[in-house]
Amino acid sequence: FQTQTCATCHMQGSAQIAPSLEGIFGTEQELTDGSRVLVDDQYLKTSILHPEVQIVKGYAPAMPSFAGKLDEEQVSDLVAYI
C-alpha cells in the first residue's frame, strides 16, 4: 500500500484526491453514473486494475491503472490489506 503510493491519495487526511479506504470494505459507494456498488474483493481488484470502469461520485478519474504493473499476488495482497 505504501510502496505502490496508494496512501498518497487514499489515506484519511490526504488531499482527498480519492476516497479514503479506511473501513471501506463491505460498504456501498455511489458511482458517478448514479449506480451503487458493494466494495468487495472483486470491486477492489477491478478498481486497482481498471479504475476507469467505476468511479466514485465526487472524485475525478485520476487513478492510474495498475494492470501490467502488479502481478496477481500483489493485487491480492492489496485487496487483503484494504
C-alpha atoms as a PDB file:
ATOM      1  CA  PHE A   1       0.000   0.000   0.000  1.00  0.00           C
ATOM      2  CA  GLN A   2       2.822   2.365   0.877  1.00  0.00           C
ATOM      3  CA  THR A   3       5.240   1.014  -1.754  1.00  0.00           C
ATOM      4  CA  GLN A   4       2.748   1.465  -4.592  1.00  0.00           C
ATOM      5  CA  THR A   5       1.961   5.008  -3.333  1.00  0.00           C
ATOM      6  CA  CYS A   6      -1.710   4.169  -2.728  1.00  0.00           C
ATOM      7  CA  ALA A   7      -1.554   6.040   0.572  1.00  0.00           C
ATOM      8  CA  THR A   8      -0.712   9.289  -1.188  1.00  0.00           C
ATOM      9  CA  CYS A   9      -4.297   9.654  -2.401  1.00  0.00           C
ATOM     10  CA  HIS A  10      -6.322   7.153  -0.356  1.00  0.00           C
ATOM     11  CA  MET A  11      -5.343   7.621   3.288  1.00  0.00           C
ATOM     12  CA  GLN A  12      -7.637   9.618   5.516  1.00  0.00           C
ATOM     13  CA  GLY A  13      -6.374  13.152   5.857  1.00  0.00           C
ATOM     14  CA  SER A  14      -4.913  13.192   2.367  1.00  0.00           C
ATOM     15  CA  ALA A  15      -5.781  15.960  -0.049  1.00  0.00           C
ATOM     16  CA  GLN A  16      -8.839  13.841  -0.842  1.00  0.00           C
ATOM     17  CA  ILE A  17      -7.820  13.149  -4.407  1.00  0.00           C
ATOM     18  CA  ALA A  18      -9.516   9.789  -3.912  1.00  0.00           C
ATOM     19  CA  PRO A  19     -11.843   8.249  -1.342  1.00  0.00           C
ATOM     20  CA  SER A  20     -10.326   7.100   1.929  1.00  0.00           C
ATOM     21  CA  LEU A  21     -10.041   3.313   2.002  1.00  0.00           C
ATOM     22  CA  GLU A  22     -10.120   3.041   5.776  1.00  0.00           C
ATOM     23  CA  GLY A  23     -13.139   0.913   6.690  1.00  0.00           C
ATOM     24  CA  ILE A  24     -14.470   0.942   3.121  1.00  0.00           C
ATOM     25  CA  PHE A  25     -14.661  -2.842   2.650  1.00  0.00           C
ATOM     26  CA  GLY A  26     -18.254  -4.068   2.856  1.00  0.00           C
ATOM     27  CA  THR A  27     -19.774  -0.625   2.352  1.00  0.00           C
ATOM     28  CA  GLU A  28     -21.749   0.632  -0.637  1.00  0.00           C
ATOM     29  CA  GLN A  29     -20.413   3.509  -2.679  1.00  0.00           C
ATOM     30  CA  GLU A  30     -22.297   5.704  -5.116  1.00  0.00           C
ATOM     31  CA  LEU A  31     -20.686   5.994  -8.537  1.00  0.00           C
ATOM     32  CA  THR A  32     -20.619   8.919 -10.942  1.00  0.00           C
ATOM     33  CA  ASP A  33     -23.316   7.268 -13.059  1.00  0.00           C
ATOM     34  CA  GLY A  34     -25.679   7.187 -10.055  1.00  0.00           C
ATOM     35  CA  SER A  35     -25.433   3.435  -9.504  1.00  0.00           C
ATOM     36  CA  ARG A  36     -24.219   1.919  -6.247  1.00  0.00           C
ATOM     37  CA  VAL A  37     -21.597  -0.778  -5.787  1.00  0.00           C
ATOM     38  CA  LEU A  38     -20.648  -3.016  -2.887  1.00  0.00           C
ATOM     39  CA  VAL A  39     -16.975  -2.693  -2.012  1.00  0.00           C
ATOM     40  CA  ASP A  40     -15.867  -6.324  -2.055  1.00  0.00           C
ATOM     41  CA  ASP A  41     -12.844  -8.263  -3.325  1.00  0.00           C
ATOM     42  CA  GLN A  42     -13.949  -8.106  -6.961  1.00  0.00           C
ATOM     43  CA  TYR A  43     -14.720  -4.383  -6.874  1.00  0.00           C
ATOM     44  CA  LEU A  44     -11.317  -3.619  -5.333  1.00  0.00           C
ATOM     45  CA  LYS A  45      -9.467  -5.798  -7.839  1.00  0.00           C
ATOM     46  CA  THR A  46     -11.272  -4.126 -10.744  1.00  0.00           C
ATOM     47  CA  SER A  47     -10.607  -0.688  -9.261  1.00  0.00           C
ATOM     48  CA  ILE A  48      -6.884  -1.411  -8.998  1.00  0.00           C
ATOM     49  CA  LEU A  49      -6.526  -2.852 -12.491  1.00  0.00           C
ATOM     50  CA  HIS A  50      -9.182  -0.827 -14.353  1.00  0.00           C
ATOM     51  CA  PRO A  51     -10.027   2.241 -12.247  1.00  0.00           C
ATOM     52  CA  GLU A  52     -11.841   3.986 -15.094  1.00  0.00           C
ATOM     53  CA  VAL A  53     -14.644   1.380 -15.054  1.00  0.00           C
ATOM     54  CA  GLN A  54     -16.349   2.524 -11.827  1.00  0.00           C
ATOM     55  CA  ILE A  55     -15.576   5.981 -10.448  1.00  0.00           C
ATOM     56  CA  VAL A  56     -16.845   7.000  -7.020  1.00  0.00           C
ATOM     57  CA  LYS A  57     -19.115  10.049  -7.085  1.00  0.00           C
ATOM     58  CA  GLY A  58     -17.367  13.247  -6.111  1.00  0.00           C
ATOM     59  CA  TYR A  59     -13.952  12.228  -7.407  1.00  0.00           C
ATOM     60  CA  ALA A  60     -12.219  12.764 -10.734  1.00  0.00           C
ATOM     61  CA  PRO A  61     -10.980   9.762 -12.735  1.00  0.00           C
ATOM     62  CA  ALA A  62      -7.398  10.380 -11.609  1.00  0.00           C
ATOM     63  CA  MET A  63      -6.247   6.900 -10.575  1.00  0.00           C
ATOM     64  CA  PRO A  64      -3.778   5.221 -12.910  1.00  0.00           C
ATOM     65  CA  SER A  65      -4.282   1.610 -13.945  1.00  0.00           C
ATOM     66  CA  PHE A  66      -2.025  -0.935 -12.303  1.00  0.00           C
ATOM     67  CA  ALA A  67      -2.756  -3.582 -14.943  1.00  0.00           C
ATOM     68  CA  GLY A  68       0.566  -4.978 -16.104  1.00  0.00           C
ATOM     69  CA  LYS A  69       2.380  -3.199 -13.258  1.00  0.00           C
ATOM     70  CA  LEU A  70       1.303  -5.505 -10.432  1.00  0.00           C
ATOM     71  CA  ASP A  71       1.141  -9.279 -10.540  1.00  0.00           C
ATOM     72  CA  GLU A  72      -1.844 -11.269  -9.266  1.00  0.00           C
ATOM     73  CA  GLU A  73      -0.260 -11.841  -5.854  1.00  0.00           C
ATOM     74  CA  GLN A  74       0.431  -8.117  -5.379  1.00  0.00           C
ATOM     75  CA  VAL A  75      -3.170  -7.255  -6.283  1.00  0.00           C
ATOM     76  CA  SER A  76      -4.451  -9.918  -3.878  1.00  0.00           C
ATOM     77  CA  ASP A  77      -2.189  -8.550  -1.136  1.00  0.00           C
ATOM     78  CA  LEU A  78      -3.531  -5.024  -1.675  1.00  0.00           C
ATOM     79  CA  VAL A  79      -7.130  -6.260  -1.581  1.00  0.00           C
ATOM     80  CA  ALA A  80      -6.443  -8.197   1.620  1.00  0.00           C
ATOM     81  CA  TYR A  81      -4.811  -5.126   3.182  1.00  0.00           C
ATOM     82  CA  ILE A  82      -7.788  -2.915   2.354  1.00  0.00           C
END
